């Protein structure tokens, strides 16, 4: 099956799908080897990997270049963060075309103004619901693959309040979204009420330290959340590991004292398949 078909089947299975946040080809490979069935290409993590905060500074073409690296090295379906579609309905149309061409299986667009902010930062602003519905309709009409999963995200809880967030979510589903993503609920009660109000497939963002309380996957599954993304944890782990290694090198001139914390040379080459590539280049 195509990645889009695989993802659509996973979403409609009864078991909630966990999608860790990846930000380059290497993290995508590692997540696949860890046994996950789908990946989440985190826009925030991709921005930070380039040295920028998650406030809409990368262009669509910069993001799509990173996404292509992921698609090329993993067979798993990838759910991509497409921010606001990188602009208006016309920009959204081009984003859909490019992400679908690359081989992404799903993406979400959000109702923030462009440029956007991380969903767990303050001072966000929204476009009118009618404008977002138009972007969703344009996105849906642009898609060539009927199995591609279109996810609509609303950041309205922090801007307009919980009830308006639910209204927006319902409008976005009516406009053609396959899955709804109500970003940054602040209590377990809100998480439960979203589930009660919206029976359609739902995505939720779970990461330690954000505005949303952590809820066990089993409970989220009971509530009907079909996809759980964990956007930033892999990158946060990588940052800490890099800092610790840099500290050792700065102190001792090498990393010998923390060698047990480092992947071996051999394992590193196995992860990226060096031998496989060299065999391709061997003349027989």
C-alpha atoms as a PDB file:
ATOM      1  CA  UNK A   1       0.000   0.000   0.000  1.00  0.00           C
ATOM      2  CA  UNK A   2       0.979   3.620  -0.491  1.00  0.00           C
ATOM      3  CA  UNK A   3       1.994   5.587   2.631  1.00  0.00           C
ATOM      4  CA  UNK A   4      -1.269   7.534   2.387  1.00  0.00           C
ATOM      5  CA  UNK A   5      -3.286   4.304   2.385  1.00  0.00           C
ATOM      6  CA  UNK A   6      -1.262   2.900   5.276  1.00  0.00           C
ATOM      7  CA  UNK A   7      -1.821   6.018   7.351  1.00  0.00           C
ATOM      8  CA  UNK A   8      -5.532   6.172   6.595  1.00  0.00           C
ATOM      9  CA  UNK A   9      -5.884   2.533   7.678  1.00  0.00           C
ATOM     10  CA  UNK A  10      -3.924   3.199  10.880  1.00  0.00           C
ATOM     11  CA  UNK A  11      -6.155   6.167  11.710  1.00  0.00           C
ATOM     12  CA  UNK A  12      -9.302   4.098  11.316  1.00  0.00           C
ATOM     13  CA  UNK A  13      -7.952   1.193  13.370  1.00  0.00           C
ATOM     14  CA  UNK A  14      -9.052   1.131  17.004  1.00  0.00           C
ATOM     15  CA  UNK A  15      -5.528   1.566  18.406  1.00  0.00           C
ATOM     16  CA  UNK A  16      -4.260   5.133  18.871  1.00  0.00           C
ATOM     17  CA  UNK A  17      -1.272   5.939  16.654  1.00  0.00           C
ATOM     18  CA  UNK A  18       1.844   7.378  18.313  1.00  0.00           C
ATOM     19  CA  UNK A  19       3.928   9.596  16.018  1.00  0.00           C
ATOM     20  CA  UNK A  20       7.227  10.928  17.441  1.00  0.00           C
ATOM     21  CA  UNK A  21       8.459  14.284  16.209  1.00  0.00           C
ATOM     22  CA  UNK A  22      11.371  13.999  13.781  1.00  0.00           C
ATOM     23  CA  UNK A  23      13.325  16.819  12.190  1.00  0.00           C
ATOM     24  CA  UNK A  24      15.811  15.317   9.724  1.00  0.00           C
ATOM     25  CA  UNK A  25      16.644  12.105   7.915  1.00  0.00           C
ATOM     26  CA  UNK A  26      18.642  10.628  10.792  1.00  0.00           C
ATOM     27  CA  UNK A  27      15.917  11.132  13.392  1.00  0.00           C
ATOM     28  CA  UNK A  28      13.414   9.611  10.938  1.00  0.00           C
ATOM     29  CA  UNK A  29      15.600   6.514  10.525  1.00  0.00           C
ATOM     30  CA  UNK A  30      16.004   6.140  14.286  1.00  0.00           C
ATOM     31  CA  UNK A  31      12.264   6.446  14.903  1.00  0.00           C
ATOM     32  CA  UNK A  32      11.518   3.787  12.296  1.00  0.00           C
ATOM     33  CA  UNK A  33      14.124   1.453  13.821  1.00  0.00           C
ATOM     34  CA  UNK A  34      12.522   2.020  17.233  1.00  0.00           C
ATOM     35  CA  UNK A  35       9.335   0.406  15.944  1.00  0.00           C
ATOM     36  CA  UNK A  36       6.961   3.328  15.361  1.00  0.00           C
ATOM     37  CA  UNK A  37       4.404   3.015  12.588  1.00  0.00           C
ATOM     38  CA  UNK A  38       4.240   6.682  11.550  1.00  0.00           C
ATOM     39  CA  UNK A  39       6.300   9.838  11.962  1.00  0.00           C
ATOM     40  CA  UNK A  40       5.462  13.439  12.695  1.00  0.00           C
ATOM     41  CA  UNK A  41       7.632  15.998  10.894  1.00  0.00           C
ATOM     42  CA  UNK A  42       7.595  18.759  13.480  1.00  0.00           C
ATOM     43  CA  UNK A  43       7.711  22.266  12.029  1.00  0.00           C
ATOM     44  CA  UNK A  44       9.050  23.629  15.303  1.00  0.00           C
ATOM     45  CA  UNK A  45      11.817  21.027  15.494  1.00  0.00           C
ATOM     46  CA  UNK A  46      12.739  21.600  11.843  1.00  0.00           C
ATOM     47  CA  UNK A  47      12.980  25.351  12.494  1.00  0.00           C
ATOM     48  CA  UNK A  48      15.129  24.828  15.582  1.00  0.00           C
ATOM     49  CA  UNK A  49      17.390  22.410  13.701  1.00  0.00           C
ATOM     50  CA  UNK A  50      18.162  25.377  11.418  1.00  0.00           C
ATOM     51  CA  UNK A  51      18.863  27.542  14.472  1.00  0.00           C
ATOM     52  CA  UNK A  52      15.595  29.511  14.430  1.00  0.00           C
ATOM     53  CA  UNK A  53      12.656  29.646  16.856  1.00  0.00           C
ATOM     54  CA  UNK A  54       9.248  28.295  15.888  1.00  0.00           C
ATOM     55  CA  UNK A  55       7.766  31.596  14.731  1.00  0.00           C
ATOM     56  CA  UNK A  56       7.360  31.023  10.996  1.00  0.00           C
ATOM     57  CA  UNK A  57      10.808  32.038   9.808  1.00  0.00           C
ATOM     58  CA  UNK A  58      11.474  29.135   7.432  1.00  0.00           C
ATOM     59  CA  UNK A  59       9.984  29.178   3.953  1.00  0.00           C
ATOM     60  CA  UNK A  60       7.899  26.393   2.463  1.00  0.00           C
ATOM     61  CA  UNK A  61      10.746  25.374   0.151  1.00  0.00           C
ATOM     62  CA  UNK A  62      13.209  25.164   3.054  1.00  0.00           C
ATOM     63  CA  UNK A  63      10.837  22.915   4.982  1.00  0.00           C
ATOM     64  CA  UNK A  64      10.004  20.763   1.961  1.00  0.00           C
ATOM     65  CA  UNK A  65      13.712  20.165   1.371  1.00  0.00           C
ATOM     66  CA  UNK A  66      14.051  18.659   4.864  1.00  0.00           C
ATOM     67  CA  UNK A  67      10.868  16.641   4.390  1.00  0.00           C
ATOM     68  CA  UNK A  68      12.270  15.134   1.193  1.00  0.00           C
ATOM     69  CA  UNK A  69      15.269  13.827   3.166  1.00  0.00           C
ATOM     70  CA  UNK A  70      12.893  12.034   5.544  1.00  0.00           C
ATOM     71  CA  UNK A  71      10.774  10.538   2.762  1.00  0.00           C
ATOM     72  CA  UNK A  72      13.884   9.267   0.992  1.00  0.00           C
ATOM     73  CA  UNK A  73      15.179   7.289   3.986  1.00  0.00           C
ATOM     74  CA  UNK A  74      12.063   5.795   5.577  1.00  0.00           C
ATOM     75  CA  UNK A  75       9.100   3.754   4.415  1.00  0.00           C
ATOM     76  CA  UNK A  76       6.839   5.031   7.171  1.00  0.00           C
ATOM     77  CA  UNK A  77       3.975   7.447   6.478  1.00  0.00           C
ATOM     78  CA  UNK A  78       4.917  10.975   7.487  1.00  0.00           C
ATOM     79  CA  UNK A  79       2.514  13.528   8.943  1.00  0.00           C
ATOM     80  CA  UNK A  80       3.904  16.981   8.201  1.00  0.00           C
ATOM     81  CA  UNK A  81       3.412  20.282   9.965  1.00  0.00           C
ATOM     82  CA  UNK A  82       2.525  22.766   7.223  1.00  0.00           C
ATOM     83  CA  UNK A  83       2.053  25.733   9.577  1.00  0.00           C
ATOM     84  CA  UNK A  84      -0.521  28.089   8.051  1.00  0.00           C
ATOM     85  CA  UNK A  85       0.043  26.718   4.569  1.00  0.00           C
ATOM     86  CA  UNK A  86       2.810  29.372   4.507  1.00  0.00           C
ATOM     87  CA  UNK A  87       0.405  32.164   3.642  1.00  0.00           C
ATOM     88  CA  UNK A  88      -3.035  32.553   2.114  1.00  0.00           C
ATOM     89  CA  UNK A  89      -5.152  30.090   0.105  1.00  0.00           C
ATOM     90  CA  UNK A  90      -2.836  30.368  -2.899  1.00  0.00           C
ATOM     91  CA  UNK A  91       0.214  29.593  -0.769  1.00  0.00           C
ATOM     92  CA  UNK A  92      -1.697  26.714   0.791  1.00  0.00           C
ATOM     93  CA  UNK A  93      -2.437  25.325  -2.667  1.00  0.00           C
ATOM     94  CA  UNK A  94       1.243  25.357  -3.585  1.00  0.00           C
ATOM     95  CA  UNK A  95       2.192  23.811  -0.237  1.00  0.00           C
ATOM     96  CA  UNK A  96      -0.257  20.964  -0.803  1.00  0.00           C
ATOM     97  CA  UNK A  97       1.129  20.364  -4.291  1.00  0.00           C
ATOM     98  CA  UNK A  98       4.727  20.314  -3.087  1.00  0.00           C
ATOM     99  CA  UNK A  99       4.194  18.157  -0.006  1.00  0.00           C
ATOM    100  CA  UNK A 100       2.136  15.653  -1.983  1.00  0.00           C
ATOM    101  CA  UNK A 101       4.776  15.548  -4.733  1.00  0.00           C
ATOM    102  CA  UNK A 102       7.485  14.787  -2.172  1.00  0.00           C
ATOM    103  CA  UNK A 103       5.543  11.832  -0.785  1.00  0.00           C
ATOM    104  CA  UNK A 104       4.128  13.119   2.492  1.00  0.00           C
ATOM    105  CA  UNK A 105       1.106  11.098   3.686  1.00  0.00           C
ATOM    106  CA  UNK A 106      -0.670  13.817   5.669  1.00  0.00           C
ATOM    107  CA  UNK A 107      -0.291  17.403   6.784  1.00  0.00           C
ATOM    108  CA  UNK A 108      -1.964  19.866   9.075  1.00  0.00           C
ATOM    109  CA  UNK A 109      -2.640  23.526   8.446  1.00  0.00           C
ATOM    110  CA  UNK A 110      -3.638  25.934  11.195  1.00  0.00           C
ATOM    111  CA  UNK A 111      -5.784  29.014  11.601  1.00  0.00           C
ATOM    112  CA  UNK A 112      -3.125  31.361  12.934  1.00  0.00           C
ATOM    113  CA  UNK A 113      -2.155  34.471  11.032  1.00  0.00           C
ATOM    114  CA  UNK A 114       1.021  34.252   8.990  1.00  0.00           C
ATOM    115  CA  UNK A 115       3.753  34.132  10.222  1.00  0.00           C
ATOM    116  CA  UNK A 116       2.623  31.808  13.005  1.00  0.00           C
ATOM    117  CA  UNK A 117       3.905  31.019  16.497  1.00  0.00           C
ATOM    118  CA  UNK A 118       4.467  27.767  18.324  1.00  0.00           C
ATOM    119  CA  UNK A 119       1.107  26.582  19.625  1.00  0.00           C
ATOM    120  CA  UNK A 120       2.327  26.743  23.220  1.00  0.00           C
ATOM    121  CA  UNK A 121       3.672  30.297  23.018  1.00  0.00           C
ATOM    122  CA  UNK A 122       1.694  33.392  23.988  1.00  0.00           C
ATOM    123  CA  UNK A 123       0.313  36.256  21.838  1.00  0.00           C
ATOM    124  CA  UNK A 124      -1.055  34.195  18.971  1.00  0.00           C
ATOM    125  CA  UNK A 125      -3.603  35.649  16.548  1.00  0.00           C
ATOM    126  CA  UNK A 126      -6.092  33.971  14.235  1.00  0.00           C
ATOM    127  CA  UNK A 127      -7.524  34.470  10.784  1.00  0.00           C
ATOM    128  CA  UNK A 128     -11.348  34.507  10.496  1.00  0.00           C
ATOM    129  CA  UNK A 129     -12.944  31.058  10.548  1.00  0.00           C
ATOM    130  CA  UNK A 130     -14.415  31.689   7.086  1.00  0.00           C
ATOM    131  CA  UNK A 131     -10.949  32.291   5.656  1.00  0.00           C
ATOM    132  CA  UNK A 132      -9.637  29.088   7.220  1.00  0.00           C
ATOM    133  CA  UNK A 133     -12.572  27.120   5.814  1.00  0.00           C
ATOM    134  CA  UNK A 134     -11.736  28.502   2.380  1.00  0.00           C
ATOM    135  CA  UNK A 135      -8.108  27.369   2.775  1.00  0.00           C
ATOM    136  CA  UNK A 136      -9.298  23.886   3.744  1.00  0.00           C
ATOM    137  CA  UNK A 137     -11.582  23.693   0.703  1.00  0.00           C
ATOM    138  CA  UNK A 138      -8.743  24.835  -1.572  1.00  0.00           C
ATOM    139  CA  UNK A 139      -6.395  22.279  -0.004  1.00  0.00           C
ATOM    140  CA  UNK A 140      -8.922  19.485  -0.465  1.00  0.00           C
ATOM    141  CA  UNK A 141      -9.588  20.415  -4.087  1.00  0.00           C
ATOM    142  CA  UNK A 142      -5.831  20.543  -4.799  1.00  0.00           C
ATOM    143  CA  UNK A 143      -5.075  17.037  -3.563  1.00  0.00           C
ATOM    144  CA  UNK A 144      -4.580  14.372  -6.229  1.00  0.00           C
ATOM    145  CA  UNK A 145      -4.486  11.346  -3.933  1.00  0.00           C
ATOM    146  CA  UNK A 146      -7.887  10.658  -2.314  1.00  0.00           C
ATOM    147  CA  UNK A 147      -6.132   8.838   0.549  1.00  0.00           C
ATOM    148  CA  UNK A 148      -3.998  11.830   1.538  1.00  0.00           C
ATOM    149  CA  UNK A 149      -5.051  12.877   5.074  1.00  0.00           C
ATOM    150  CA  UNK A 150      -5.857  16.558   5.545  1.00  0.00           C
ATOM    151  CA  UNK A 151      -5.699  17.712   9.163  1.00  0.00           C
ATOM    152  CA  UNK A 152      -7.085  21.055  10.313  1.00  0.00           C
ATOM    153  CA  UNK A 153      -5.645  22.639  13.434  1.00  0.00           C
ATOM    154  CA  UNK A 154      -7.192  25.414  15.476  1.00  0.00           C
ATOM    155  CA  UNK A 155      -5.273  27.512  17.991  1.00  0.00           C
ATOM    156  CA  UNK A 156      -8.437  29.219  19.176  1.00  0.00           C
ATOM    157  CA  UNK A 157      -8.429  28.085  22.823  1.00  0.00           C
ATOM    158  CA  UNK A 158      -5.749  30.623  23.789  1.00  0.00           C
ATOM    159  CA  UNK A 159      -7.203  33.411  21.621  1.00  0.00           C
ATOM    160  CA  UNK A 160     -11.000  33.122  21.530  1.00  0.00           C
ATOM    161  CA  UNK A 161     -11.729  30.614  24.277  1.00  0.00           C
ATOM    162  CA  UNK A 162     -12.665  26.956  24.409  1.00  0.00           C
ATOM    163  CA  UNK A 163     -16.205  27.187  23.045  1.00  0.00           C
ATOM    164  CA  UNK A 164     -15.101  29.081  19.938  1.00  0.00           C
ATOM    165  CA  UNK A 165     -12.347  26.525  19.413  1.00  0.00           C
ATOM    166  CA  UNK A 166     -15.003  23.809  19.264  1.00  0.00           C
ATOM    167  CA  UNK A 167     -17.087  25.888  16.834  1.00  0.00           C
ATOM    168  CA  UNK A 168     -14.086  26.384  14.597  1.00  0.00           C
ATOM    169  CA  UNK A 169     -13.191  22.687  14.734  1.00  0.00           C
ATOM    170  CA  UNK A 170     -16.676  21.674  13.635  1.00  0.00           C
ATOM    171  CA  UNK A 171     -16.637  24.219  10.804  1.00  0.00           C
ATOM    172  CA  UNK A 172     -13.261  22.939   9.598  1.00  0.00           C
ATOM    173  CA  UNK A 173     -14.528  19.367   9.510  1.00  0.00           C
ATOM    174  CA  UNK A 174     -17.549  20.505   7.520  1.00  0.00           C
ATOM    175  CA  UNK A 175     -15.205  22.315   5.095  1.00  0.00           C
ATOM    176  CA  UNK A 176     -13.464  19.022   4.304  1.00  0.00           C
ATOM    177  CA  UNK A 177     -10.830  18.217   6.933  1.00  0.00           C
ATOM    178  CA  UNK A 178     -10.333  14.493   7.591  1.00  0.00           C
ATOM    179  CA  UNK A 179      -8.932  14.924  11.094  1.00  0.00           C
ATOM    180  CA  UNK A 180      -9.248  17.765  13.603  1.00  0.00           C
ATOM    181  CA  UNK A 181      -6.454  19.081  15.832  1.00  0.00           C
ATOM    182  CA  UNK A 182      -7.510  21.362  18.680  1.00  0.00           C
ATOM    183  CA  UNK A 183      -4.155  22.704  19.842  1.00  0.00           C
ATOM    184  CA  UNK A 184      -3.127  23.296  23.454  1.00  0.00           C
ATOM    185  CA  UNK A 185      -6.095  22.249  25.625  1.00  0.00           C
ATOM    186  CA  UNK A 186      -5.157  23.296  29.147  1.00  0.00           C
ATOM    187  CA  UNK A 187      -6.980  20.753  31.334  1.00  0.00           C
ATOM    188  CA  UNK A 188      -7.994  17.106  31.261  1.00  0.00           C
ATOM    189  CA  UNK A 189     -11.587  18.329  31.294  1.00  0.00           C
ATOM    190  CA  UNK A 190     -11.013  20.226  28.051  1.00  0.00           C
ATOM    191  CA  UNK A 191      -9.418  17.154  26.468  1.00  0.00           C
ATOM    192  CA  UNK A 192     -12.463  15.110  27.459  1.00  0.00           C
ATOM    193  CA  UNK A 193     -14.912  17.750  26.242  1.00  0.00           C
ATOM    194  CA  UNK A 194     -13.215  17.950  22.834  1.00  0.00           C
ATOM    195  CA  UNK A 195     -13.729  14.202  22.571  1.00  0.00           C
ATOM    196  CA  UNK A 196     -17.385  14.493  23.596  1.00  0.00           C
ATOM    197  CA  UNK A 197     -18.103  17.319  21.158  1.00  0.00           C
ATOM    198  CA  UNK A 198     -16.190  15.921  18.169  1.00  0.00           C
ATOM    199  CA  UNK A 199     -16.710  12.232  17.317  1.00  0.00           C
ATOM    200  CA  UNK A 200     -14.627  12.498  14.118  1.00  0.00           C
ATOM    201  CA  UNK A 201     -10.934  11.439  14.092  1.00  0.00           C
ATOM    202  CA  UNK A 202      -8.820  13.699  16.303  1.00  0.00           C
ATOM    203  CA  UNK A 203      -5.124  14.457  16.760  1.00  0.00           C
ATOM    204  CA  UNK A 204      -3.640  15.632  20.042  1.00  0.00           C
ATOM    205  CA  UNK A 205      -0.246  17.059  20.946  1.00  0.00           C
ATOM    206  CA  UNK A 206       1.427  15.444  23.991  1.00  0.00           C
ATOM    207  CA  UNK A 207       4.796  16.615  25.246  1.00  0.00           C
ATOM    208  CA  UNK A 208       6.250  17.180  28.678  1.00  0.00           C
ATOM    209  CA  UNK A 209       6.427  20.839  29.706  1.00  0.00           C
ATOM    210  CA  UNK A 210       3.698  22.256  27.467  1.00  0.00           C
ATOM    211  CA  UNK A 211       0.305  23.768  28.296  1.00  0.00           C
ATOM    212  CA  UNK A 212      -1.508  20.458  27.804  1.00  0.00           C
ATOM    213  CA  UNK A 213      -1.472  17.950  30.688  1.00  0.00           C
ATOM    214  CA  UNK A 214      -0.063  14.532  29.880  1.00  0.00           C
ATOM    215  CA  UNK A 215      -2.756  11.871  29.562  1.00  0.00           C
ATOM    216  CA  UNK A 216      -2.023   8.136  29.216  1.00  0.00           C
ATOM    217  CA  UNK A 217      -2.338   6.841  25.670  1.00  0.00           C
ATOM    218  CA  UNK A 218      -4.891   4.259  26.818  1.00  0.00           C
ATOM    219  CA  UNK A 219      -7.198   7.040  28.048  1.00  0.00           C
ATOM    220  CA  UNK A 220      -6.737   9.052  24.856  1.00  0.00           C
ATOM    221  CA  UNK A 221      -7.661   5.953  22.898  1.00  0.00           C
ATOM    222  CA  UNK A 222     -10.844   5.568  24.953  1.00  0.00           C
ATOM    223  CA  UNK A 223     -11.681   9.202  24.139  1.00  0.00           C
ATOM    224  CA  UNK A 224     -11.289   8.661  20.400  1.00  0.00           C
ATOM    225  CA  UNK A 225      -7.986  10.446  19.760  1.00  0.00           C
ATOM    226  CA  UNK A 226      -6.614   8.587  16.754  1.00  0.00           C
ATOM    227  CA  UNK A 227      -3.191  10.270  16.514  1.00  0.00           C
ATOM    228  CA  UNK A 228      -0.869  11.405  19.298  1.00  0.00           C
ATOM    229  CA  UNK A 229       2.126  13.504  18.248  1.00  0.00           C
ATOM    230  CA  UNK A 230       5.132  14.115  20.493  1.00  0.00           C
ATOM    231  CA  UNK A 231       6.772  16.960  18.558  1.00  0.00           C
ATOM    232  CA  UNK A 232       9.860  18.083  20.438  1.00  0.00           C
ATOM    233  CA  UNK A 233      11.065  15.366  22.813  1.00  0.00           C
ATOM    234  CA  UNK A 234      13.589  13.786  20.438  1.00  0.00           C
ATOM    235  CA  UNK A 235      15.165  17.142  19.708  1.00  0.00           C
ATOM    236  CA  UNK A 236      15.232  18.107  23.375  1.00  0.00           C
ATOM    237  CA  UNK A 237      17.008  14.819  24.130  1.00  0.00           C
ATOM    238  CA  UNK A 238      19.489  15.464  21.320  1.00  0.00           C
ATOM    239  CA  UNK A 239      20.195  18.988  22.598  1.00  0.00           C
ATOM    240  CA  UNK A 240      21.010  17.711  26.087  1.00  0.00           C
ATOM    241  CA  UNK A 241      23.229  14.914  24.731  1.00  0.00           C
ATOM    242  CA  UNK A 242      25.118  17.360  22.498  1.00  0.00           C
ATOM    243  CA  UNK A 243      25.593  19.800  25.381  1.00  0.00           C
ATOM    244  CA  UNK A 244      26.999  17.037  27.609  1.00  0.00           C
ATOM    245  CA  UNK A 245      29.386  15.883  24.888  1.00  0.00           C
ATOM    246  CA  UNK A 246      30.554  19.422  24.134  1.00  0.00           C
ATOM    247  CA  UNK A 247      31.206  19.979  27.831  1.00  0.00           C
ATOM    248  CA  UNK A 248      33.411  16.865  27.993  1.00  0.00           C
ATOM    249  CA  UNK A 249      35.320  17.850  24.853  1.00  0.00           C
ATOM    250  CA  UNK A 250      35.795  21.399  26.111  1.00  0.00           C
ATOM    251  CA  UNK A 251      37.161  20.113  29.405  1.00  0.00           C
ATOM    252  CA  UNK A 252      39.332  17.193  28.267  1.00  0.00           C
ATOM    253  CA  UNK A 253      39.924  17.744  24.553  1.00  0.00           C
ATOM    254  CA  UNK A 254      38.076  14.526  23.725  1.00  0.00           C
ATOM    255  CA  UNK A 255      34.980  12.570  24.688  1.00  0.00           C
ATOM    256  CA  UNK A 256      36.658   9.479  26.179  1.00  0.00           C
ATOM    257  CA  UNK A 257      35.144   9.960  29.641  1.00  0.00           C
ATOM    258  CA  UNK A 258      31.593   9.757  28.275  1.00  0.00           C
ATOM    259  CA  UNK A 259      32.298   7.133  25.617  1.00  0.00           C
ATOM    260  CA  UNK A 260      29.617   4.889  27.114  1.00  0.00           C
ATOM    261  CA  UNK A 261      27.039   7.575  26.260  1.00  0.00           C
ATOM    262  CA  UNK A 262      28.036   7.737  22.586  1.00  0.00           C
ATOM    263  CA  UNK A 263      26.923   5.527  19.726  1.00  0.00           C
ATOM    264  CA  UNK A 264      29.877   3.538  18.449  1.00  0.00           C
ATOM    265  CA  UNK A 265      31.443   4.235  15.067  1.00  0.00           C
ATOM    266  CA  UNK A 266      30.226   0.838  13.832  1.00  0.00           C
ATOM    267  CA  UNK A 267      26.649   1.332  15.027  1.00  0.00           C
ATOM    268  CA  UNK A 268      26.504   4.797  13.485  1.00  0.00           C
ATOM    269  CA  UNK A 269      27.429   3.390  10.080  1.00  0.00           C
ATOM    270  CA  UNK A 270      24.888   0.577  10.455  1.00  0.00           C
ATOM    271  CA  UNK A 271      22.129   3.086  11.210  1.00  0.00           C
ATOM    272  CA  UNK A 272      22.667   5.044   8.003  1.00  0.00           C
ATOM    273  CA  UNK A 273      23.344   1.924   5.895  1.00  0.00           C
ATOM    274  CA  UNK A 274      26.859   2.784   4.758  1.00  0.00           C
ATOM    275  CA  UNK A 275      27.649  -0.762   3.608  1.00  0.00           C
ATOM    276  CA  UNK A 276      24.461  -0.913   1.528  1.00  0.00           C
ATOM    277  CA  UNK A 277      25.424   2.277  -0.309  1.00  0.00           C
ATOM    278  CA  UNK A 278      28.999   1.115  -0.884  1.00  0.00           C
ATOM    279  CA  UNK A 279      27.764  -2.159  -2.398  1.00  0.00           C
ATOM    280  CA  UNK A 280      25.699  -0.187  -4.911  1.00  0.00           C
ATOM    281  CA  UNK A 281      28.872   1.605  -5.999  1.00  0.00           C
ATOM    282  CA  UNK A 282      30.906  -1.600  -6.332  1.00  0.00           C
ATOM    283  CA  UNK A 283      31.686  -2.695  -9.911  1.00  0.00           C
ATOM    284  CA  UNK A 284      31.249  -6.468 -10.310  1.00  0.00           C
END
